[in-house]
Amino acid sequence: MSIEKRRFPRTPGNNQAAVVYTQNGARPIMCTVADISEGGAGLTFVDISAIPDVFQLEIKGEAKTRLCKVAWRSAPHRMGVAFQQDPR
């Protein structure tokens, strides 16, 4: 039995389409939302090797982007992110 360490319970993301925008201006990277909560999300990529530790995430159908910090990586396809306060 595993112990839940998250502050916010996650709900299924229904593999909703999302886009990662990096701060270095590189080409946007497509991903899907596996699960999401008020504080973060689980994301699935084709390959996570080029994903930086901090990035902007746009979930299709939402009006805003979210500043994300990588919480964990599970190579080669999964990662968990924590939503951060955007200083802008």
C-alpha atoms as a PDB file:
ATOM      1  CA  MET A   1       0.000   0.000   0.000  1.00  0.00           C
ATOM      2  CA  SER A   2       1.477   3.362  -1.033  1.00  0.00           C
ATOM      3  CA  ILE A   3       1.051   6.537   0.986  1.00  0.00           C
ATOM      4  CA  GLU A   4      -0.374   9.534  -0.875  1.00  0.00           C
ATOM      5  CA  LYS A   5       2.034  12.496  -0.540  1.00  0.00           C
ATOM      6  CA  ARG A   6       0.170  15.030  -2.683  1.00  0.00           C
ATOM      7  CA  ARG A   7      -1.491  18.039  -1.028  1.00  0.00           C
ATOM      8  CA  PHE A   8      -4.304  18.057  -3.598  1.00  0.00           C
ATOM      9  CA  PRO A   9      -6.098  14.950  -4.896  1.00  0.00           C
ATOM     10  CA  ARG A  10      -5.680  14.422  -8.629  1.00  0.00           C
ATOM     11  CA  THR A  11      -8.474  13.660 -11.042  1.00  0.00           C
ATOM     12  CA  PRO A  12      -8.128  11.999 -14.454  1.00  0.00           C
ATOM     13  CA  GLY A  13      -7.024  14.392 -17.196  1.00  0.00           C
ATOM     14  CA  ASN A  14      -8.666  12.231 -19.851  1.00  0.00           C
ATOM     15  CA  ASN A  15      -5.526  12.586 -21.989  1.00  0.00           C
ATOM     16  CA  GLN A  16      -6.422  16.189 -22.743  1.00  0.00           C
ATOM     17  CA  ALA A  17      -4.083  17.850 -25.256  1.00  0.00           C
ATOM     18  CA  ALA A  18      -1.555  20.343 -23.908  1.00  0.00           C
ATOM     19  CA  VAL A  19       1.469  22.289 -25.133  1.00  0.00           C
ATOM     20  CA  VAL A  20       4.758  23.047 -23.359  1.00  0.00           C
ATOM     21  CA  TYR A  21       6.454  26.385 -24.055  1.00  0.00           C
ATOM     22  CA  THR A  22      10.063  26.686 -22.912  1.00  0.00           C
ATOM     23  CA  GLN A  23      11.786  29.880 -21.845  1.00  0.00           C
ATOM     24  CA  ASN A  24      14.499  29.531 -24.463  1.00  0.00           C
ATOM     25  CA  GLY A  25      12.009  30.036 -27.307  1.00  0.00           C
ATOM     26  CA  ALA A  26      12.328  26.497 -28.664  1.00  0.00           C
ATOM     27  CA  ARG A  27       9.551  24.904 -30.698  1.00  0.00           C
ATOM     28  CA  PRO A  28       6.433  24.084 -28.595  1.00  0.00           C
ATOM     29  CA  ILE A  29       6.204  20.467 -27.382  1.00  0.00           C
ATOM     30  CA  MET A  30       2.924  18.547 -27.438  1.00  0.00           C
ATOM     31  CA  CYS A  31       1.839  16.375 -24.510  1.00  0.00           C
ATOM     32  CA  THR A  32      -1.275  14.989 -22.860  1.00  0.00           C
ATOM     33  CA  VAL A  33      -2.629  15.499 -19.343  1.00  0.00           C
ATOM     34  CA  ALA A  34      -2.871  12.117 -17.618  1.00  0.00           C
ATOM     35  CA  ASP A  35      -4.158  13.571 -14.336  1.00  0.00           C
ATOM     36  CA  ILE A  36      -4.527  17.023 -12.773  1.00  0.00           C
ATOM     37  CA  SER A  37      -5.180  18.753  -9.460  1.00  0.00           C
ATOM     38  CA  GLU A  38      -5.221  22.269  -8.091  1.00  0.00           C
ATOM     39  CA  GLY A  39      -1.487  21.984  -7.403  1.00  0.00           C
ATOM     40  CA  GLY A  40      -0.083  20.046 -10.348  1.00  0.00           C
ATOM     41  CA  ALA A  41      -0.460  17.478 -13.092  1.00  0.00           C
ATOM     42  CA  GLY A  42       0.852  14.246 -14.516  1.00  0.00           C
ATOM     43  CA  LEU A  43       1.902  14.657 -18.142  1.00  0.00           C
ATOM     44  CA  THR A  44       2.715  12.178 -20.901  1.00  0.00           C
ATOM     45  CA  PHE A  45       5.157  12.976 -23.726  1.00  0.00           C
ATOM     46  CA  VAL A  46       6.633  11.142 -26.685  1.00  0.00           C
ATOM     47  CA  ASP A  47      10.056  11.780 -25.068  1.00  0.00           C
ATOM     48  CA  ILE A  48      10.801  13.819 -21.921  1.00  0.00           C
ATOM     49  CA  SER A  49      14.544  14.216 -22.512  1.00  0.00           C
ATOM     50  CA  ALA A  50      14.220  17.733 -24.009  1.00  0.00           C
ATOM     51  CA  ILE A  51      11.808  19.073 -21.386  1.00  0.00           C
ATOM     52  CA  PRO A  52      13.433  21.654 -19.051  1.00  0.00           C
ATOM     53  CA  ASP A  53      12.755  21.746 -15.296  1.00  0.00           C
ATOM     54  CA  VAL A  54      10.616  24.926 -15.598  1.00  0.00           C
ATOM     55  CA  PHE A  55       8.191  25.731 -18.417  1.00  0.00           C
ATOM     56  CA  GLN A  56       4.801  27.168 -19.337  1.00  0.00           C
ATOM     57  CA  LEU A  57       1.941  24.700 -19.897  1.00  0.00           C
ATOM     58  CA  GLU A  58      -1.115  25.488 -22.005  1.00  0.00           C
ATOM     59  CA  ILE A  59      -3.949  23.002 -21.589  1.00  0.00           C
ATOM     60  CA  LYS A  60      -6.216  23.113 -24.624  1.00  0.00           C
ATOM     61  CA  GLY A  61      -9.577  24.652 -23.791  1.00  0.00           C
ATOM     62  CA  GLU A  62      -8.229  26.733 -20.886  1.00  0.00           C
ATOM     63  CA  ALA A  63      -7.754  30.485 -21.213  1.00  0.00           C
ATOM     64  CA  LYS A  64      -4.464  30.715 -19.293  1.00  0.00           C
ATOM     65  CA  THR A  65      -1.065  29.091 -19.274  1.00  0.00           C
ATOM     66  CA  ARG A  66       0.474  27.735 -16.072  1.00  0.00           C
ATOM     67  CA  LEU A  67       4.051  28.030 -14.880  1.00  0.00           C
ATOM     68  CA  CYS A  68       5.249  24.505 -14.056  1.00  0.00           C
ATOM     69  CA  LYS A  69       8.206  23.027 -12.206  1.00  0.00           C
ATOM     70  CA  VAL A  70       9.060  19.356 -12.717  1.00  0.00           C
ATOM     71  CA  ALA A  71       8.452  17.328  -9.534  1.00  0.00           C
ATOM     72  CA  TRP A  72       9.426  13.916 -10.921  1.00  0.00           C
ATOM     73  CA  ARG A  73      10.342  12.174 -14.174  1.00  0.00           C
ATOM     74  CA  SER A  74       9.654   8.605 -15.209  1.00  0.00           C
ATOM     75  CA  ALA A  75      11.645   8.056 -18.401  1.00  0.00           C
ATOM     76  CA  PRO A  76      10.988   7.997 -21.199  1.00  0.00           C
ATOM     77  CA  HIS A  77       7.401   9.318 -21.280  1.00  0.00           C
ATOM     78  CA  ARG A  78       5.929  10.523 -17.945  1.00  0.00           C
ATOM     79  CA  MET A  79       6.520  13.432 -15.611  1.00  0.00           C
ATOM     80  CA  GLY A  80       4.764  15.148 -12.759  1.00  0.00           C
ATOM     81  CA  VAL A  81       4.722  18.921 -12.416  1.00  0.00           C
ATOM     82  CA  ALA A  82       3.838  21.348  -9.645  1.00  0.00           C
ATOM     83  CA  PHE A  83       2.037  24.541 -10.643  1.00  0.00           C
ATOM     84  CA  GLN A  84       3.993  27.648  -9.583  1.00  0.00           C
ATOM     85  CA  GLN A  85       2.986  31.253  -9.036  1.00  0.00           C
ATOM     86  CA  ASP A  86       3.909  33.197 -12.175  1.00  0.00           C
ATOM     87  CA  PRO A  87       5.799  36.379 -11.146  1.00  0.00           C
ATOM     88  CA  ARG A  88       4.541  38.264 -14.226  1.00  0.00           C
END
